[in-house]
Amino acid sequence: MGPKLGRLRGTARLALPVLALLLLAAHFYRGGLLVLAAGSCAMVALLFVRRPWAAPVLQATLLLGTLEWLRTAWVLASRRAGLGQPYGRLLLILGLVATVTAVAAWVVRARRDPRH
């Protein structure tokens, strides 16, 4: 693998966790949870920390984020179902966001290697 391809692959592997954390920050910000929104943004910095504890902390954060997306999907879909409104598209979108967040947690786990 050439150096350009390796660099591109590394950038792509960073993009997914960054996207997941920023989506989570936007979710918390919209809910008025500014401390959690700021914490989600701050977690992006952990992608560049070369300490043994950084990757597991980031992975745990993303896994908790996945649970938050699933909880939100449940709450919003239940509310819409109770009002007799459609909720299928809501579940699809939030399910995809939860999946992206879970895959980002896996990518962070897969990124751990002795060189990082």
PDB file of N, CA and C in Angstrom:
ATOM      1  N   MET A   1       0.851  -1.167   0.000  1.00  0.00           N
ATOM      2  CA  MET A   1       0.000   0.000   0.000  1.00  0.00           C
ATOM      3  C   MET A   1       0.895   1.228   0.000  1.00  0.00           C
ATOM      4  N   GLY A   2       0.615   2.157  -0.905  1.00  0.00           N
ATOM      5  CA  GLY A   2       1.407   3.370  -1.022  1.00  0.00           C
ATOM      6  C   GLY A   2       1.139   4.324   0.122  1.00  0.00           C
ATOM      7  N   PRO A   3       2.034   5.282   0.312  1.00  0.00           N
ATOM      8  CA  PRO A   3       1.857   6.224   1.419  1.00  0.00           C
ATOM      9  C   PRO A   3       0.604   7.088   1.272  1.00  0.00           C
ATOM     10  N   LYS A   4       0.224   7.442   0.043  1.00  0.00           N
ATOM     11  CA  LYS A   4      -0.977   8.251  -0.144  1.00  0.00           C
ATOM     12  C   LYS A   4      -2.238   7.467   0.216  1.00  0.00           C
ATOM     13  N   LEU A   5      -2.280   6.206  -0.192  1.00  0.00           N
ATOM     14  CA  LEU A   5      -3.438   5.375   0.118  1.00  0.00           C
ATOM     15  C   LEU A   5      -3.540   5.136   1.621  1.00  0.00           C
ATOM     16  N   GLY A   6      -2.403   4.916   2.264  1.00  0.00           N
ATOM     17  CA  GLY A   6      -2.402   4.719   3.716  1.00  0.00           C
ATOM     18  C   GLY A   6      -2.885   5.956   4.460  1.00  0.00           C
ATOM     19  N   ARG A   7      -2.494   7.117   3.995  1.00  0.00           N
ATOM     20  CA  ARG A   7      -2.915   8.376   4.611  1.00  0.00           C
ATOM     21  C   ARG A   7      -4.410   8.596   4.405  1.00  0.00           C
ATOM     22  N   LEU A   8      -4.906   8.277   3.202  1.00  0.00           N
ATOM     23  CA  LEU A   8      -6.329   8.417   2.909  1.00  0.00           C
ATOM     24  C   LEU A   8      -7.152   7.470   3.781  1.00  0.00           C
ATOM     25  N   ARG A   9      -6.667   6.255   3.934  1.00  0.00           N
ATOM     26  CA  ARG A   9      -7.361   5.273   4.771  1.00  0.00           C
ATOM     27  C   ARG A   9      -7.406   5.736   6.222  1.00  0.00           C
ATOM     28  N   GLY A  10      -6.296   6.305   6.705  1.00  0.00           N
ATOM     29  CA  GLY A  10      -6.257   6.812   8.075  1.00  0.00           C
ATOM     30  C   GLY A  10      -7.225   7.967   8.275  1.00  0.00           C
ATOM     31  N   THR A  11      -7.316   8.826   7.281  1.00  0.00           N
ATOM     32  CA  THR A  11      -8.249   9.954   7.361  1.00  0.00           C
ATOM     33  C   THR A  11      -9.689   9.461   7.380  1.00  0.00           C
ATOM     34  N   ALA A  12     -10.000   8.491   6.559  1.00  0.00           N
ATOM     35  CA  ALA A  12     -11.354   7.940   6.519  1.00  0.00           C
ATOM     36  C   ALA A  12     -11.712   7.277   7.844  1.00  0.00           C
ATOM     37  N   ARG A  13     -10.749   6.645   8.471  1.00  0.00           N
ATOM     38  CA  ARG A  13     -11.011   5.970   9.748  1.00  0.00           C
ATOM     39  C   ARG A  13     -11.187   6.976  10.883  1.00  0.00           C
ATOM     40  N   LEU A  14     -10.662   8.169  10.718  1.00  0.00           N
ATOM     41  CA  LEU A  14     -10.887   9.224  11.702  1.00  0.00           C
ATOM     42  C   LEU A  14     -12.223   9.922  11.479  1.00  0.00           C
ATOM     43  N   ALA A  15     -12.660   9.989  10.237  1.00  0.00           N
ATOM     44  CA  ALA A  15     -13.861  10.748   9.893  1.00  0.00           C
ATOM     45  C   ALA A  15     -15.119  10.165  10.540  1.00  0.00           C
ATOM     46  N   LEU A  16     -15.240   8.858  10.605  1.00  0.00           N
ATOM     47  CA  LEU A  16     -16.451   8.248  11.154  1.00  0.00           C
ATOM     48  C   LEU A  16     -16.629   8.548  12.641  1.00  0.00           C
ATOM     49  N   PRO A  17     -15.605   8.360  13.487  1.00  0.00           N
ATOM     50  CA  PRO A  17     -15.783   8.744  14.891  1.00  0.00           C
ATOM     51  C   PRO A  17     -16.033  10.239  15.075  1.00  0.00           C
ATOM     52  N   VAL A  18     -15.386  11.078  14.265  1.00  0.00           N
ATOM     53  CA  VAL A  18     -15.615  12.521  14.371  1.00  0.00           C
ATOM     54  C   VAL A  18     -17.064  12.836  14.038  1.00  0.00           C
ATOM     55  N   LEU A  19     -17.576  12.266  12.952  1.00  0.00           N
ATOM     56  CA  LEU A  19     -18.963  12.476  12.567  1.00  0.00           C
ATOM     57  C   LEU A  19     -19.914  12.020  13.673  1.00  0.00           C
ATOM     58  N   ALA A  20     -19.675  10.841  14.217  1.00  0.00           N
ATOM     59  CA  ALA A  20     -20.547  10.305  15.260  1.00  0.00           C
ATOM     60  C   ALA A  20     -20.538  11.200  16.505  1.00  0.00           C
ATOM     61  N   LEU A  21     -19.367  11.669  16.900  1.00  0.00           N
ATOM     62  CA  LEU A  21     -19.278  12.527  18.085  1.00  0.00           C
ATOM     63  C   LEU A  21     -19.933  13.887  17.853  1.00  0.00           C
ATOM     64  N   LEU A  22     -19.783  14.439  16.659  1.00  0.00           N
ATOM     65  CA  LEU A  22     -20.403  15.730  16.376  1.00  0.00           C
ATOM     66  C   LEU A  22     -21.924  15.614  16.271  1.00  0.00           C
ATOM     67  N   LEU A  23     -22.423  14.511  15.724  1.00  0.00           N
ATOM     68  CA  LEU A  23     -23.874  14.281  15.712  1.00  0.00           C
ATOM     69  C   LEU A  23     -24.414  14.152  17.127  1.00  0.00           C
ATOM     70  N   LEU A  24     -23.668  13.465  17.968  1.00  0.00           N
ATOM     71  CA  LEU A  24     -24.068  13.327  19.363  1.00  0.00           C
ATOM     72  C   LEU A  24     -24.052  14.683  20.063  1.00  0.00           C
ATOM     73  N   ALA A  25     -23.047  15.495  19.782  1.00  0.00           N
ATOM     74  CA  ALA A  25     -22.975  16.839  20.366  1.00  0.00           C
ATOM     75  C   ALA A  25     -24.171  17.678  19.923  1.00  0.00           C
ATOM     76  N   ALA A  26     -24.537  17.597  18.658  1.00  0.00           N
ATOM     77  CA  ALA A  26     -25.689  18.353  18.157  1.00  0.00           C
ATOM     78  C   ALA A  26     -26.981  17.887  18.834  1.00  0.00           C
ATOM     79  N   HIS A  27     -27.094  16.595  19.043  1.00  0.00           N
ATOM     80  CA  HIS A  27     -28.262  16.034  19.727  1.00  0.00           C
ATOM     81  C   HIS A  27     -28.367  16.584  21.152  1.00  0.00           C
ATOM     82  N   PHE A  28     -27.260  16.567  21.877  1.00  0.00           N
ATOM     83  CA  PHE A  28     -27.274  17.079  23.250  1.00  0.00           C
ATOM     84  C   PHE A  28     -27.513  18.587  23.277  1.00  0.00           C
ATOM     85  N   TYR A  29     -26.933  19.303  22.322  1.00  0.00           N
ATOM     86  CA  TYR A  29     -27.110  20.747  22.262  1.00  0.00           C
ATOM     87  C   TYR A  29     -28.582  21.101  22.025  1.00  0.00           C
ATOM     88  N   ARG A  30     -29.208  20.383  21.126  1.00  0.00           N
ATOM     89  CA  ARG A  30     -30.626  20.629  20.840  1.00  0.00           C
ATOM     90  C   ARG A  30     -31.482  20.338  22.061  1.00  0.00           C
ATOM     91  N   GLY A  31     -31.074  19.381  22.865  1.00  0.00           N
ATOM     92  CA  GLY A  31     -31.801  19.047  24.084  1.00  0.00           C
ATOM     93  C   GLY A  31     -31.478  19.962  25.252  1.00  0.00           C
ATOM     94  N   GLY A  32     -30.585  20.921  25.050  1.00  0.00           N
ATOM     95  CA  GLY A  32     -30.233  21.848  26.123  1.00  0.00           C
ATOM     96  C   GLY A  32     -29.200  21.305  27.096  1.00  0.00           C
ATOM     97  N   LEU A  33     -28.582  20.200  26.764  1.00  0.00           N
ATOM     98  CA  LEU A  33     -27.562  19.587  27.626  1.00  0.00           C
ATOM     99  C   LEU A  33     -26.180  20.057  27.168  1.00  0.00           C
ATOM    100  N   LEU A  34     -25.863  21.290  27.510  1.00  0.00           N
ATOM    101  CA  LEU A  34     -24.657  21.925  26.985  1.00  0.00           C
ATOM    102  C   LEU A  34     -23.375  21.264  27.474  1.00  0.00           C
ATOM    103  N   VAL A  35     -23.367  20.769  28.693  1.00  0.00           N
ATOM    104  CA  VAL A  35     -22.169  20.108  29.216  1.00  0.00           C
ATOM    105  C   VAL A  35     -21.883  18.827  28.430  1.00  0.00           C
ATOM    106  N   LEU A  36     -22.934  18.066  28.153  1.00  0.00           N
ATOM    107  CA  LEU A  36     -22.743  16.844  27.370  1.00  0.00           C
ATOM    108  C   LEU A  36     -22.366  17.162  25.925  1.00  0.00           C
ATOM    109  N   ALA A  37     -22.920  18.239  25.391  1.00  0.00           N
ATOM    110  CA  ALA A  37     -22.562  18.649  24.030  1.00  0.00           C
ATOM    111  C   ALA A  37     -21.081  19.039  23.973  1.00  0.00           C
ATOM    112  N   ALA A  38     -20.630  19.811  24.936  1.00  0.00           N
ATOM    113  CA  ALA A  38     -19.219  20.208  24.977  1.00  0.00           C
ATOM    114  C   ALA A  38     -18.326  18.989  25.199  1.00  0.00           C
ATOM    115  N   GLY A  39     -18.770  18.066  26.042  1.00  0.00           N
ATOM    116  CA  GLY A  39     -17.994  16.849  26.285  1.00  0.00           C
ATOM    117  C   GLY A  39     -17.863  16.001  25.034  1.00  0.00           C
ATOM    118  N   SER A  40     -18.937  15.915  24.263  1.00  0.00           N
ATOM    119  CA  SER A  40     -18.886  15.156  23.008  1.00  0.00           C
ATOM    120  C   SER A  40     -17.908  15.785  22.028  1.00  0.00           C
ATOM    121  N   CYS A  41     -17.915  17.114  21.965  1.00  0.00           N
ATOM    122  CA  CYS A  41     -16.958  17.808  21.089  1.00  0.00           C
ATOM    123  C   CYS A  41     -15.523  17.591  21.575  1.00  0.00           C
ATOM    124  N   ALA A  42     -15.336  17.624  22.882  1.00  0.00           N
ATOM    125  CA  ALA A  42     -13.994  17.449  23.449  1.00  0.00           C
ATOM    126  C   ALA A  42     -13.459  16.039  23.204  1.00  0.00           C
ATOM    127  N   MET A  43     -14.347  15.070  23.089  1.00  0.00           N
ATOM    128  CA  MET A  43     -13.919  13.686  22.857  1.00  0.00           C
ATOM    129  C   MET A  43     -13.216  13.520  21.510  1.00  0.00           C
ATOM    130  N   VAL A  44     -13.471  14.424  20.585  1.00  0.00           N
ATOM    131  CA  VAL A  44     -12.792  14.363  19.288  1.00  0.00           C
ATOM    132  C   VAL A  44     -11.279  14.447  19.488  1.00  0.00           C
ATOM    133  N   ALA A  45     -10.855  15.213  20.467  1.00  0.00           N
ATOM    134  CA  ALA A  45      -9.419  15.362  20.735  1.00  0.00           C
ATOM    135  C   ALA A  45      -8.777  14.031  21.133  1.00  0.00           C
ATOM    136  N   LEU A  46      -9.554  13.147  21.732  1.00  0.00           N
ATOM    137  CA  LEU A  46      -8.990  11.849  22.141  1.00  0.00           C
ATOM    138  C   LEU A  46      -8.533  11.004  20.961  1.00  0.00           C
ATOM    139  N   LEU A  47      -9.026  11.314  19.777  1.00  0.00           N
ATOM    140  CA  LEU A  47      -8.565  10.581  18.596  1.00  0.00           C
ATOM    141  C   LEU A  47      -7.084  10.814  18.334  1.00  0.00           C
ATOM    142  N   PHE A  48      -6.536  11.882  18.892  1.00  0.00           N
ATOM    143  CA  PHE A  48      -5.146  12.246  18.632  1.00  0.00           C
ATOM    144  C   PHE A  48      -4.246  12.043  19.845  1.00  0.00           C
ATOM    145  N   VAL A  49      -4.794  11.464  20.917  1.00  0.00           N
ATOM    146  CA  VAL A  49      -4.017  11.190  22.130  1.00  0.00           C
ATOM    147  C   VAL A  49      -3.397   9.810  22.011  1.00  0.00           C
ATOM    148  N   ARG A  50      -2.116   9.728  22.272  1.00  0.00           N
ATOM    149  CA  ARG A  50      -1.396   8.448  22.143  1.00  0.00           C
ATOM    150  C   ARG A  50      -1.136   7.809  23.501  1.00  0.00           C
ATOM    151  N   ARG A  51      -2.146   7.702  24.288  1.00  0.00           N
ATOM    152  CA  ARG A  51      -2.061   7.050  25.590  1.00  0.00           C
ATOM    153  C   ARG A  51      -2.923   5.793  25.568  1.00  0.00           C
ATOM    154  N   PRO A  52      -2.574   4.790  26.365  1.00  0.00           N
ATOM    155  CA  PRO A  52      -3.337   3.538  26.336  1.00  0.00           C
ATOM    156  C   PRO A  52      -4.798   3.697  26.772  1.00  0.00           C
ATOM    157  N   TRP A  53      -5.103   4.691  27.598  1.00  0.00           N
ATOM    158  CA  TRP A  53      -6.461   4.866  28.101  1.00  0.00           C
ATOM    159  C   TRP A  53      -7.369   5.604  27.125  1.00  0.00           C
ATOM    160  N   ALA A  54      -6.816   6.298  26.147  1.00  0.00           N
ATOM    161  CA  ALA A  54      -7.616   7.168  25.283  1.00  0.00           C
ATOM    162  C   ALA A  54      -8.599   6.381  24.414  1.00  0.00           C
ATOM    163  N   ALA A  55      -8.142   5.338  23.769  1.00  0.00           N
ATOM    164  CA  ALA A  55      -9.016   4.570  22.871  1.00  0.00           C
ATOM    165  C   ALA A  55     -10.175   3.905  23.625  1.00  0.00           C
ATOM    166  N   PRO A  56      -9.937   3.256  24.772  1.00  0.00           N
ATOM    167  CA  PRO A  56     -11.077   2.669  25.488  1.00  0.00           C
ATOM    168  C   PRO A  56     -12.086   3.708  25.988  1.00  0.00           C
ATOM    169  N   VAL A  57     -11.600   4.880  26.394  1.00  0.00           N
ATOM    170  CA  VAL A  57     -12.519   5.937  26.834  1.00  0.00           C
ATOM    171  C   VAL A  57     -13.364   6.410  25.656  1.00  0.00           C
ATOM    172  N   LEU A  58     -12.734   6.596  24.527  1.00  0.00           N
ATOM    173  CA  LEU A  58     -13.452   7.028  23.333  1.00  0.00           C
ATOM    174  C   LEU A  58     -14.445   5.963  22.878  1.00  0.00           C
ATOM    175  N   GLN A  59     -14.021   4.727  22.933  1.00  0.00           N
ATOM    176  CA  GLN A  59     -14.906   3.627  22.538  1.00  0.00           C
ATOM    177  C   GLN A  59     -16.113   3.541  23.476  1.00  0.00           C
ATOM    178  N   ALA A  60     -15.885   3.674  24.769  1.00  0.00           N
ATOM    179  CA  ALA A  60     -16.999   3.641  25.728  1.00  0.00           C
ATOM    180  C   ALA A  60     -17.957   4.804  25.488  1.00  0.00           C
ATOM    181  N   THR A  61     -17.410   5.967  25.185  1.00  0.00           N
ATOM    182  CA  THR A  61     -18.247   7.130  24.893  1.00  0.00           C
ATOM    183  C   THR A  61     -19.131   6.869  23.677  1.00  0.00           C
ATOM    184  N   LEU A  62     -18.554   6.306  22.638  1.00  0.00           N
ATOM    185  CA  LEU A  62     -19.324   6.015  21.435  1.00  0.00           C
ATOM    186  C   LEU A  62     -20.372   4.923  21.682  1.00  0.00           C
ATOM    187  N   LEU A  63     -20.050   3.953  22.498  1.00  0.00           N
ATOM    188  CA  LEU A  63     -21.036   2.914  22.822  1.00  0.00           C
ATOM    189  C   LEU A  63     -22.181   3.493  23.641  1.00  0.00           C
ATOM    190  N   LEU A  64     -21.862   4.382  24.583  1.00  0.00           N
ATOM    191  CA  LEU A  64     -22.925   5.062  25.330  1.00  0.00           C
ATOM    192  C   LEU A  64     -23.749   5.950  24.391  1.00  0.00           C
ATOM    193  N   GLY A  65     -23.081   6.555  23.420  1.00  0.00           N
ATOM    194  CA  GLY A  65     -23.796   7.342  22.422  1.00  0.00           C
ATOM    195  C   GLY A  65     -24.759   6.491  21.613  1.00  0.00           C
ATOM    196  N   THR A  66     -24.347   5.278  21.279  1.00  0.00           N
ATOM    197  CA  THR A  66     -25.229   4.356  20.570  1.00  0.00           C
ATOM    198  C   THR A  66     -26.474   4.063  21.405  1.00  0.00           C
ATOM    199  N   LEU A  67     -26.273   3.819  22.691  1.00  0.00           N
ATOM    200  CA  LEU A  67     -27.416   3.574  23.580  1.00  0.00           C
ATOM    201  C   LEU A  67     -28.318   4.800  23.671  1.00  0.00           C
ATOM    202  N   GLU A  68     -27.733   5.985  23.678  1.00  0.00           N
ATOM    203  CA  GLU A  68     -28.523   7.215  23.714  1.00  0.00           C
ATOM    204  C   GLU A  68     -29.377   7.357  22.449  1.00  0.00           C
ATOM    205  N   TRP A  69     -28.821   7.035  21.292  1.00  0.00           N
ATOM    206  CA  TRP A  69     -29.601   7.111  20.060  1.00  0.00           C
ATOM    207  C   TRP A  69     -30.748   6.099  20.083  1.00  0.00           C
ATOM    208  N   LEU A  70     -30.493   4.905  20.596  1.00  0.00           N
ATOM    209  CA  LEU A  70     -31.552   3.896  20.677  1.00  0.00           C
ATOM    210  C   LEU A  70     -32.638   4.315  21.664  1.00  0.00           C
ATOM    211  N   ARG A  71     -32.239   4.913  22.788  1.00  0.00           N
ATOM    212  CA  ARG A  71     -33.204   5.407  23.775  1.00  0.00           C
ATOM    213  C   ARG A  71     -34.057   6.518  23.171  1.00  0.00           C
ATOM    214  N   THR A  72     -33.400   7.418  22.464  1.00  0.00           N
ATOM    215  CA  THR A  72     -34.116   8.522  21.830  1.00  0.00           C
ATOM    216  C   THR A  72     -35.107   8.000  20.798  1.00  0.00           C
ATOM    217  N   ALA A  73     -34.692   7.019  20.013  1.00  0.00           N
ATOM    218  CA  ALA A  73     -35.598   6.431  19.022  1.00  0.00           C
ATOM    219  C   ALA A  73     -36.823   5.839  19.706  1.00  0.00           C
ATOM    220  N   TRP A  74     -36.604   5.135  20.803  1.00  0.00           N
ATOM    221  CA  TRP A  74     -37.711   4.515  21.536  1.00  0.00           C
ATOM    222  C   TRP A  74     -38.674   5.577  22.067  1.00  0.00           C
ATOM    223  N   VAL A  75     -38.122   6.599  22.702  1.00  0.00           N
ATOM    224  CA  VAL A  75     -38.963   7.647  23.295  1.00  0.00           C
ATOM    225  C   VAL A  75     -39.765   8.381  22.225  1.00  0.00           C
ATOM    226  N   LEU A  76     -39.093   8.814  21.164  1.00  0.00           N
ATOM    227  CA  LEU A  76     -39.787   9.581  20.127  1.00  0.00           C
ATOM    228  C   LEU A  76     -40.800   8.731  19.368  1.00  0.00           C
ATOM    229  N   ALA A  77     -40.454   7.488  19.068  1.00  0.00           N
ATOM    230  CA  ALA A  77     -41.391   6.612  18.354  1.00  0.00           C
ATOM    231  C   ALA A  77     -42.604   6.303  19.233  1.00  0.00           C
ATOM    232  N   SER A  78     -42.380   6.098  20.518  1.00  0.00           N
ATOM    233  CA  SER A  78     -43.505   5.841  21.427  1.00  0.00           C
ATOM    234  C   SER A  78     -44.432   7.049  21.497  1.00  0.00           C
ATOM    235  N   ARG A  79     -43.842   8.223  21.553  1.00  0.00           N
ATOM    236  CA  ARG A  79     -44.635   9.454  21.610  1.00  0.00           C
ATOM    237  C   ARG A  79     -45.464   9.611  20.329  1.00  0.00           C
ATOM    238  N   ARG A  80     -44.824   9.388  19.191  1.00  0.00           N
ATOM    239  CA  ARG A  80     -45.540   9.535  17.915  1.00  0.00           C
ATOM    240  C   ARG A  80     -46.620   8.468  17.759  1.00  0.00           C
ATOM    241  N   ALA A  81     -46.323   7.242  18.191  1.00  0.00           N
ATOM    242  CA  ALA A  81     -47.322   6.167  18.096  1.00  0.00           C
ATOM    243  C   ALA A  81     -48.524   6.494  18.977  1.00  0.00           C
ATOM    244  N   GLY A  82     -48.270   7.053  20.151  1.00  0.00           N
ATOM    245  CA  GLY A  82     -49.359   7.436  21.049  1.00  0.00           C
ATOM    246  C   GLY A  82     -50.245   8.518  20.471  1.00  0.00           C
ATOM    247  N   LEU A  83     -49.682   9.349  19.610  1.00  0.00           N
ATOM    248  CA  LEU A  83     -50.457  10.415  18.967  1.00  0.00           C
ATOM    249  C   LEU A  83     -51.057   9.972  17.643  1.00  0.00           C
ATOM    250  N   GLY A  84     -50.802   8.720  17.268  1.00  0.00           N
ATOM    251  CA  GLY A  84     -51.329   8.194  16.013  1.00  0.00           C
ATOM    252  C   GLY A  84     -50.587   8.702  14.784  1.00  0.00           C
ATOM    253  N   GLN A  85     -49.372   9.182  14.982  1.00  0.00           N
ATOM    254  CA  GLN A  85     -48.566   9.700  13.874  1.00  0.00           C
ATOM    255  C   GLN A  85     -47.620   8.611  13.371  1.00  0.00           C
ATOM    256  N   PRO A  86     -47.211   8.708  12.107  1.00  0.00           N
ATOM    257  CA  PRO A  86     -46.257   7.714  11.586  1.00  0.00           C
ATOM    258  C   PRO A  86     -44.889   7.870  12.255  1.00  0.00           C
ATOM    259  N   TYR A  87     -44.209   6.757  12.437  1.00  0.00           N
ATOM    260  CA  TYR A  87     -42.915   6.809  13.112  1.00  0.00           C
ATOM    261  C   TYR A  87     -41.859   5.917  12.449  1.00  0.00           C
ATOM    262  N   GLY A  88     -42.189   5.295  11.353  1.00  0.00           N
ATOM    263  CA  GLY A  88     -41.259   4.390  10.678  1.00  0.00           C
ATOM    264  C   GLY A  88     -40.003   5.086  10.177  1.00  0.00           C
ATOM    265  N   ARG A  89     -40.175   6.240   9.550  1.00  0.00           N
ATOM    266  CA  ARG A  89     -39.022   6.976   9.024  1.00  0.00           C
ATOM    267  C   ARG A  89     -38.124   7.448  10.167  1.00  0.00           C
ATOM    268  N   LEU A  90     -38.744   7.875  11.268  1.00  0.00           N
ATOM    269  CA  LEU A  90     -37.986   8.285  12.446  1.00  0.00           C
ATOM    270  C   LEU A  90     -37.111   7.136  12.950  1.00  0.00           C
ATOM    271  N   LEU A  91     -37.700   5.950  13.039  1.00  0.00           N
ATOM    272  CA  LEU A  91     -36.932   4.786  13.495  1.00  0.00           C
ATOM    273  C   LEU A  91     -35.816   4.425  12.522  1.00  0.00           C
ATOM    274  N   LEU A  92     -36.080   4.571  11.239  1.00  0.00           N
ATOM    275  CA  LEU A  92     -35.052   4.273  10.239  1.00  0.00           C
ATOM    276  C   LEU A  92     -33.869   5.230  10.378  1.00  0.00           C
ATOM    277  N   ILE A  93     -34.155   6.517  10.467  1.00  0.00           N
ATOM    278  CA  ILE A  93     -33.083   7.510  10.557  1.00  0.00           C
ATOM    279  C   ILE A  93     -32.284   7.356  11.847  1.00  0.00           C
ATOM    280  N   LEU A  94     -32.975   7.266  12.970  1.00  0.00           N
ATOM    281  CA  LEU A  94     -32.248   7.134  14.242  1.00  0.00           C
ATOM    282  C   LEU A  94     -31.552   5.779  14.354  1.00  0.00           C
ATOM    283  N   GLY A  95     -32.113   4.754  13.732  1.00  0.00           N
ATOM    284  CA  GLY A  95     -31.438   3.458  13.696  1.00  0.00           C
ATOM    285  C   GLY A  95     -30.138   3.522  12.906  1.00  0.00           C
ATOM    286  N   LEU A  96     -30.159   4.255  11.803  1.00  0.00           N
ATOM    287  CA  LEU A  96     -28.935   4.431  11.007  1.00  0.00           C
ATOM    288  C   LEU A  96     -27.891   5.246  11.772  1.00  0.00           C
ATOM    289  N   VAL A  97     -28.334   6.279  12.470  1.00  0.00           N
ATOM    290  CA  VAL A  97     -27.394   7.083  13.261  1.00  0.00           C
ATOM    291  C   VAL A  97     -26.789   6.226  14.385  1.00  0.00           C
ATOM    292  N   ALA A  98     -27.608   5.410  15.025  1.00  0.00           N
ATOM    293  CA  ALA A  98     -27.101   4.513  16.064  1.00  0.00           C
ATOM    294  C   ALA A  98     -26.102   3.513  15.474  1.00  0.00           C
ATOM    295  N   THR A  99     -26.391   3.016  14.279  1.00  0.00           N
ATOM    296  CA  THR A  99     -25.479   2.077  13.619  1.00  0.00           C
ATOM    297  C   THR A  99     -24.155   2.735  13.282  1.00  0.00           C
ATOM    298  N   VAL A 100     -24.195   3.956  12.751  1.00  0.00           N
ATOM    299  CA  VAL A 100     -22.964   4.686  12.441  1.00  0.00           C
ATOM    300  C   VAL A 100     -22.141   4.898  13.708  1.00  0.00           C
ATOM    301  N   THR A 101     -22.808   5.229  14.802  1.00  0.00           N
ATOM    302  CA  THR A 101     -22.098   5.443  16.064  1.00  0.00           C
ATOM    303  C   THR A 101     -21.469   4.144  16.563  1.00  0.00           C
ATOM    304  N   ALA A 102     -22.187   3.036  16.445  1.00  0.00           N
ATOM    305  CA  ALA A 102     -21.640   1.744  16.857  1.00  0.00           C
ATOM    306  C   ALA A 102     -20.451   1.341  15.986  1.00  0.00           C
ATOM    307  N   VAL A 103     -20.556   1.566  14.683  1.00  0.00           N
ATOM    308  CA  VAL A 103     -19.446   1.246  13.783  1.00  0.00           C
ATOM    309  C   VAL A 103     -18.245   2.135  14.102  1.00  0.00           C
ATOM    310  N   ALA A 104     -18.495   3.379  14.464  1.00  0.00           N
ATOM    311  CA  ALA A 104     -17.402   4.281  14.858  1.00  0.00           C
ATOM    312  C   ALA A 104     -16.686   3.742  16.096  1.00  0.00           C
ATOM    313  N   ALA A 105     -17.440   3.186  17.039  1.00  0.00           N
ATOM    314  CA  ALA A 105     -16.816   2.582  18.221  1.00  0.00           C
ATOM    315  C   ALA A 105     -15.947   1.396  17.818  1.00  0.00           C
ATOM    316  N   TRP A 106     -16.413   0.612  16.855  1.00  0.00           N
ATOM    317  CA  TRP A 106     -15.628  -0.526  16.372  1.00  0.00           C
ATOM    318  C   TRP A 106     -14.363  -0.041  15.661  1.00  0.00           C
ATOM    319  N   VAL A 107     -14.496   1.033  14.871  1.00  0.00           N
ATOM    320  CA  VAL A 107     -13.338   1.586  14.155  1.00  0.00           C
ATOM    321  C   VAL A 107     -12.287   2.063  15.144  1.00  0.00           C
ATOM    322  N   VAL A 108     -12.733   2.704  16.230  1.00  0.00           N
ATOM    323  CA  VAL A 108     -11.784   3.158  17.259  1.00  0.00           C
ATOM    324  C   VAL A 108     -11.076   1.960  17.858  1.00  0.00           C
ATOM    325  N   ARG A 109     -11.795   0.882  18.105  1.00  0.00           N
ATOM    326  CA  ARG A 109     -11.183  -0.337  18.652  1.00  0.00           C
ATOM    327  C   ARG A 109     -10.185  -0.920  17.663  1.00  0.00           C
ATOM    328  N   ALA A 110     -10.568  -0.922  16.377  1.00  0.00           N
ATOM    329  CA  ALA A 110      -9.707  -1.492  15.347  1.00  0.00           C
ATOM    330  C   ALA A 110      -8.476  -0.630  15.104  1.00  0.00           C
ATOM    331  N   ARG A 111      -8.546   0.669  15.437  1.00  0.00           N
ATOM    332  CA  ARG A 111      -7.418   1.575  15.209  1.00  0.00           C
ATOM    333  C   ARG A 111      -6.273   1.315  16.185  1.00  0.00           C
ATOM    334  N   ARG A 112      -6.573   0.697  17.322  1.00  0.00           N
ATOM    335  CA  ARG A 112      -5.528   0.501  18.322  1.00  0.00           C
ATOM    336  C   ARG A 112      -4.434  -0.399  17.767  1.00  0.00           C
ATOM    337  N   ASP A 113      -3.255   0.124  17.693  1.00  0.00           N
ATOM    338  CA  ASP A 113      -2.107  -0.675  17.308  1.00  0.00           C
ATOM    339  C   ASP A 113      -0.881  -0.085  17.998  1.00  0.00           C
ATOM    340  N   PRO A 114       0.198  -0.809  18.049  1.00  0.00           N
ATOM    341  CA  PRO A 114       1.373  -0.349  18.794  1.00  0.00           C
ATOM    342  C   PRO A 114       1.963   0.958  18.247  1.00  0.00           C
ATOM    343  N   ARG A 115       1.725   1.267  16.979  1.00  0.00           N
ATOM    344  CA  ARG A 115       2.294   2.482  16.408  1.00  0.00           C
ATOM    345  C   ARG A 115       1.524   3.737  16.814  1.00  0.00           C
ATOM    346  N   HIS A 116       0.275   3.577  17.278  1.00  0.00           N
ATOM    347  CA  HIS A 116      -0.540   4.767  17.604  1.00  0.00           C
ATOM    348  C   HIS A 116      -0.371   5.142  19.059  1.00  0.00           C
TER     349      HIS A 116
END
